[in-house]
C-alpha atoms as a PDB file:
ATOM      1  CA  UNK A   1     111.598  56.759  67.747  1.00  0.00           C
ATOM      2  CA  UNK A   2     114.917  57.836  68.920  1.00  0.00           C
ATOM      3  CA  UNK A   3     117.866  55.718  67.930  1.00  0.00           C
ATOM      4  CA  UNK A   4     118.432  54.997  71.904  1.00  0.00           C
ATOM      5  CA  UNK A   5     114.463  53.536  71.887  1.00  0.00           C
ATOM      6  CA  UNK A   6     113.854  50.340  70.563  1.00  0.00           C
ATOM      7  CA  UNK A   7     110.675  48.198  70.200  1.00  0.00           C
ATOM      8  CA  UNK A   8     111.482  45.390  72.713  1.00  0.00           C
ATOM      9  CA  UNK A   9     110.986  41.783  71.795  1.00  0.00           C
ATOM     10  CA  UNK A  10     111.588  38.828  73.401  1.00  0.00           C
ATOM     11  CA  UNK A  11     115.159  38.989  72.058  1.00  0.00           C
ATOM     12  CA  UNK A  12     115.353  41.871  74.435  1.00  0.00           C
ATOM     13  CA  UNK A  13     114.227  40.528  78.118  1.00  0.00           C
ATOM     14  CA  UNK A  14     117.725  39.955  79.479  1.00  0.00           C
ATOM     15  CA  UNK A  15     118.595  43.543  78.700  1.00  0.00           C
ATOM     16  CA  UNK A  16     114.716  44.287  80.028  1.00  0.00           C
ATOM     17  CA  UNK A  17     115.037  42.310  82.905  1.00  0.00           C
ATOM     18  CA  UNK A  18     118.349  43.732  83.910  1.00  0.00           C
ATOM     19  CA  UNK A  19     116.992  47.057  83.756  1.00  0.00           C
ATOM     20  CA  UNK A  20     114.108  46.137  85.838  1.00  0.00           C
ATOM     21  CA  UNK A  21     116.337  44.684  88.189  1.00  0.00           C
ATOM     22  CA  UNK A  22     118.331  47.659  88.863  1.00  0.00           C
ATOM     23  CA  UNK A  23     115.031  50.150  89.721  1.00  0.00           C
ATOM     24  CA  UNK A  24     112.880  47.539  91.616  1.00  0.00           C
ATOM     25  CA  UNK A  25     113.516  46.016  95.039  1.00  0.00           C
ATOM     26  CA  UNK A  26     114.294  41.869  94.306  1.00  0.00           C
ATOM     27  CA  UNK A  27     111.083  40.960  95.738  1.00  0.00           C
ATOM     28  CA  UNK A  28     109.554  42.902  93.136  1.00  0.00           C
ATOM     29  CA  UNK A  29     111.530  42.608  89.989  1.00  0.00           C
ATOM     30  CA  UNK A  30     110.932  40.564  86.872  1.00  0.00           C
ATOM     31  CA  UNK A  31     112.853  37.976  85.726  1.00  0.00           C
ATOM     32  CA  UNK A  32     114.107  37.781  82.105  1.00  0.00           C
ATOM     33  CA  UNK A  33     111.538  34.651  81.550  1.00  0.00           C
ATOM     34  CA  UNK A  34     108.327  36.378  82.978  1.00  0.00           C
ATOM     35  CA  UNK A  35     109.380  39.454  80.691  1.00  0.00           C
ATOM     36  CA  UNK A  36     109.884  37.192  77.268  1.00  0.00           C
ATOM     37  CA  UNK A  37     106.569  35.480  78.074  1.00  0.00           C
ATOM     38  CA  UNK A  38     104.819  38.876  78.345  1.00  0.00           C
ATOM     39  CA  UNK A  39     105.983  40.229  75.402  1.00  0.00           C
ATOM     40  CA  UNK A  40     105.201  36.992  73.338  1.00  0.00           C
ATOM     41  CA  UNK A  41     101.145  37.488  74.585  1.00  0.00           C
ATOM     42  CA  UNK A  42      98.537  38.554  72.262  1.00  0.00           C
ATOM     43  CA  UNK A  43      98.731  42.394  72.470  1.00  0.00           C
ATOM     44  CA  UNK A  44     101.925  42.849  74.528  1.00  0.00           C
ATOM     45  CA  UNK A  45     104.515  45.417  73.690  1.00  0.00           C
ATOM     46  CA  UNK A  46     107.566  47.120  75.171  1.00  0.00           C
ATOM     47  CA  UNK A  47     110.394  49.423  74.485  1.00  0.00           C
ATOM     48  CA  UNK A  48     114.065  49.402  75.859  1.00  0.00           C
ATOM     49  CA  UNK A  49     115.635  52.658  76.001  1.00  0.00           C
ATOM     50  CA  UNK A  50     119.622  52.017  75.733  1.00  0.00           C
ATOM     51  CA  UNK A  51     120.090  54.736  78.675  1.00  0.00           C
ATOM     52  CA  UNK A  52     118.822  52.396  81.176  1.00  0.00           C
ATOM     53  CA  UNK A  53     114.983  52.441  80.750  1.00  0.00           C
ATOM     54  CA  UNK A  54     111.998  49.798  79.831  1.00  0.00           C
ATOM     55  CA  UNK A  55     108.274  49.796  79.560  1.00  0.00           C
ATOM     56  CA  UNK A  56     105.970  46.656  79.223  1.00  0.00           C
ATOM     57  CA  UNK A  57     102.161  47.181  78.427  1.00  0.00           C
ATOM     58  CA  UNK A  58      99.410  45.731  76.561  1.00  0.00           C
ATOM     59  CA  UNK A  59      96.387  46.334  74.775  1.00  0.00           C
ATOM     60  CA  UNK A  60      92.852  44.427  75.130  1.00  0.00           C
ATOM     61  CA  UNK A  61      89.871  45.826  73.013  1.00  0.00           C
ATOM     62  CA  UNK A  62      89.961  49.649  73.776  1.00  0.00           C
ATOM     63  CA  UNK A  63      91.890  49.567  76.612  1.00  0.00           C
ATOM     64  CA  UNK A  64      95.866  49.665  77.627  1.00  0.00           C
ATOM     65  CA  UNK A  65      97.883  48.884  80.361  1.00  0.00           C
ATOM     66  CA  UNK A  66     101.341  49.748  81.236  1.00  0.00           C
ATOM     67  CA  UNK A  67     102.768  46.561  83.070  1.00  0.00           C
ATOM     68  CA  UNK A  68     105.588  48.159  84.301  1.00  0.00           C
ATOM     69  CA  UNK A  69     108.051  51.023  83.881  1.00  0.00           C
ATOM     70  CA  UNK A  70     111.712  50.856  84.639  1.00  0.00           C
ATOM     71  CA  UNK A  71     114.366  53.648  84.818  1.00  0.00           C
ATOM     72  CA  UNK A  72     117.799  52.301  86.370  1.00  0.00           C
ATOM     73  CA  UNK A  73     118.723  54.965  89.319  1.00  0.00           C
ATOM     74  CA  UNK A  74     121.725  56.021  87.478  1.00  0.00           C
ATOM     75  CA  UNK A  75     119.740  57.220  84.323  1.00  0.00           C
ATOM     76  CA  UNK A  76     116.785  58.994  86.335  1.00  0.00           C
ATOM     77  CA  UNK A  77     115.522  62.532  85.608  1.00  0.00           C
ATOM     78  CA  UNK A  78     117.020  62.651  81.942  1.00  0.00           C
ATOM     79  CA  UNK A  79     113.638  62.168  80.288  1.00  0.00           C
ATOM     80  CA  UNK A  80     113.777  58.454  79.633  1.00  0.00           C
ATOM     81  CA  UNK A  81     110.304  57.849  81.264  1.00  0.00           C
ATOM     82  CA  UNK A  82     108.794  60.344  79.479  1.00  0.00           C
ATOM     83  CA  UNK A  83     109.805  59.360  76.386  1.00  0.00           C
ATOM     84  CA  UNK A  84     108.592  55.529  77.316  1.00  0.00           C
ATOM     85  CA  UNK A  85     105.445  56.946  77.937  1.00  0.00           C
ATOM     86  CA  UNK A  86     105.021  58.828  74.706  1.00  0.00           C
ATOM     87  CA  UNK A  87     106.329  55.569  73.063  1.00  0.00           C
ATOM     88  CA  UNK A  88     103.573  53.586  74.770  1.00  0.00           C
ATOM     89  CA  UNK A  89     100.991  56.167  74.332  1.00  0.00           C
ATOM     90  CA  UNK A  90     101.532  56.292  70.561  1.00  0.00           C
ATOM     91  CA  UNK A  91     101.416  52.236  69.801  1.00  0.00           C
ATOM     92  CA  UNK A  92      98.196  52.309  72.190  1.00  0.00           C
ATOM     93  CA  UNK A  93      96.650  54.943  70.248  1.00  0.00           C
ATOM     94  CA  UNK A  94      97.863  52.753  67.151  1.00  0.00           C
ATOM     95  CA  UNK A  95      96.114  49.744  68.457  1.00  0.00           C
ATOM     96  CA  UNK A  96      93.071  51.701  68.851  1.00  0.00           C
ATOM     97  CA  UNK A  97      92.993  51.714  72.324  1.00  0.00           C
ATOM     98  CA  UNK A  98      91.091  54.707  73.745  1.00  0.00           C
ATOM     99  CA  UNK A  99      92.311  54.441  77.399  1.00  0.00           C
ATOM    100  CA  UNK A 100      95.684  53.516  79.513  1.00  0.00           C
ATOM    101  CA  UNK A 101      95.909  52.439  82.826  1.00  0.00           C
ATOM    102  CA  UNK A 102      98.596  51.657  85.270  1.00  0.00           C
ATOM    103  CA  UNK A 103      99.512  50.951  88.590  1.00  0.00           C
ATOM    104  CA  UNK A 104     101.598  53.116  91.127  1.00  0.00           C
ATOM    105  CA  UNK A 105     102.921  52.830  94.792  1.00  0.00           C
ATOM    106  CA  UNK A 106     101.079  55.418  96.835  1.00  0.00           C
ATOM    107  CA  UNK A 107     104.681  56.487  98.218  1.00  0.00           C
ATOM    108  CA  UNK A 108     106.255  56.976  94.914  1.00  0.00           C
ATOM    109  CA  UNK A 109     106.075  60.615  94.576  1.00  0.00           C
ATOM    110  CA  UNK A 110     108.410  61.178  91.670  1.00  0.00           C
ATOM    111  CA  UNK A 111     106.236  58.632  89.445  1.00  0.00           C
ATOM    112  CA  UNK A 112     103.062  60.057  90.765  1.00  0.00           C
ATOM    113  CA  UNK A 113     104.407  63.688  89.479  1.00  0.00           C
ATOM    114  CA  UNK A 114     105.238  62.514  86.084  1.00  0.00           C
ATOM    115  CA  UNK A 115     101.949  60.683  85.422  1.00  0.00           C
ATOM    116  CA  UNK A 116     100.150  63.744  86.345  1.00  0.00           C
ATOM    117  CA  UNK A 117     101.971  65.490  84.117  1.00  0.00           C
ATOM    118  CA  UNK A 118     100.458  63.280  81.160  1.00  0.00           C
ATOM    119  CA  UNK A 119      97.212  63.525  82.558  1.00  0.00           C
ATOM    120  CA  UNK A 120      96.800  60.508  84.399  1.00  0.00           C
ATOM    121  CA  UNK A 121      94.087  60.689  87.428  1.00  0.00           C
ATOM    122  CA  UNK A 122      93.589  58.149  90.030  1.00  0.00           C
ATOM    123  CA  UNK A 123      90.565  55.956  89.561  1.00  0.00           C
ATOM    124  CA  UNK A 124      90.892  53.462  92.587  1.00  0.00           C
ATOM    125  CA  UNK A 125      93.317  51.606  94.843  1.00  0.00           C
ATOM    126  CA  UNK A 126      94.783  48.290  95.248  1.00  0.00           C
ATOM    127  CA  UNK A 127      95.324  47.631  99.020  1.00  0.00           C
ATOM    128  CA  UNK A 128      98.303  45.743  99.615  1.00  0.00           C
ATOM    129  CA  UNK A 129      99.459  45.434  96.093  1.00  0.00           C
ATOM    130  CA  UNK A 130     103.171  45.310  96.475  1.00  0.00           C
ATOM    131  CA  UNK A 131     105.373  42.286  98.053  1.00  0.00           C
ATOM    132  CA  UNK A 132     106.180  45.046 101.023  1.00  0.00           C
ATOM    133  CA  UNK A 133     102.453  45.364 101.617  1.00  0.00           C
ATOM    134  CA  UNK A 134     101.870  49.017 100.296  1.00  0.00           C
ATOM    135  CA  UNK A 135      99.160  50.248  98.457  1.00  0.00           C
ATOM    136  CA  UNK A 136      98.904  51.304  94.625  1.00  0.00           C
ATOM    137  CA  UNK A 137      97.135  53.903  92.955  1.00  0.00           C
ATOM    138  CA  UNK A 138      94.985  52.796  89.915  1.00  0.00           C
ATOM    139  CA  UNK A 139      95.881  55.724  87.282  1.00  0.00           C
ATOM    140  CA  UNK A 140      93.739  56.067  83.933  1.00  0.00           C
ATOM    141  CA  UNK A 141      94.114  58.397  81.377  1.00  0.00           C
ATOM    142  CA  UNK A 142      92.076  59.170  78.354  1.00  0.00           C
ATOM    143  CA  UNK A 143      93.916  58.727  74.755  1.00  0.00           C
ATOM    144  CA  UNK A 144      91.598  60.361  72.651  1.00  0.00           C
END
């Protein structure tokens, strides 16, 4: 892990929430309380990149799920999301997860391209998943 990438704890919730609020519309951003709660749950983990990125995930049995990944607009296209995903994959593997799941907005072409480069494939759709009524693609990758 680089000096700019830190393992997140509930003490980082305010910084994580600030990144999330910068990256998502108000109806979709997660507040400090929600983030703190997520990080306190069994199997949950997170990472904070000081340059303006964050990721929350969890492991249950042999499955892992990226709950949210956010990069502030001013910090995009700098490899932050790539670093966060590599860290999440390593943590999931260390917890013996064999698959990693996530949802991504159908219209988010940049994120979908990133996930394709990592080997994610679409395994389903969640209709009207987001607050604006848009659909999400359910993606999966094998960690083995």
